[in-house]
Amino acid sequence: MNKIFRKLVVFVIGMLIVGGFLFPQVSAATISGSGTQSSPYLITNESTLRQLATNVKNGTSYSGKYFRVTANITLTQTWTPIGTATTAFRGTFDGNGKTISGMTVTGEHVGLFAYVGSGATIKNVNLTNFDVSGKSYLAGLVAHADAGTGSITISNCSVNGTLRDTE
């Protein structure tokens, strides 16, 4: 009877873990909108901004897509920049005059955006109270911009924070 009871307990605990009851999975934030100029994807809080960074990291460049920040955002955890060497952000990011503050990030090619590519537009972003440190390609807003044969537009943005070269 004792062996059966132990197996039953192990089975139940296993099902609870797999089902997410003991260790629930953090669900990905949903970014609402359709990504068009008239109905942009809406960045409403830290979670949706982080989801954008994750989506680009996972291979979505958002070429031709539009984003709009709808509220001031305070970053509460170490930041993972938007864009990678293999997938640069290529969409339009409209900060809508809102403020993004509290960004802390360390590394190479770091800032709010690590990599932006041809076709990208970054506008109306106020970035404050940031702390960026690392060895190379450090920025508050865009660390590495590579337009290739196209163009990148950065306009009406302000930055106020600390950059520290650790070399």
Foldseek 3Di string as FASTA:
>chain_A
DVVVVVVVVVVVVVCCVVVCNVPNDDDQDDFDFDQAPVTAGEDEEPRSLLSQQVVQVVPDQSANGEYEYDEAYEDDDADDARHDPVGARQYEYAPVLHEYEHHEYEEEQDANHSEHEANYEYENYEYEHYEYEYAAQDDHHGSYYYHDPHDYHYYHYYYYYDYYHPD
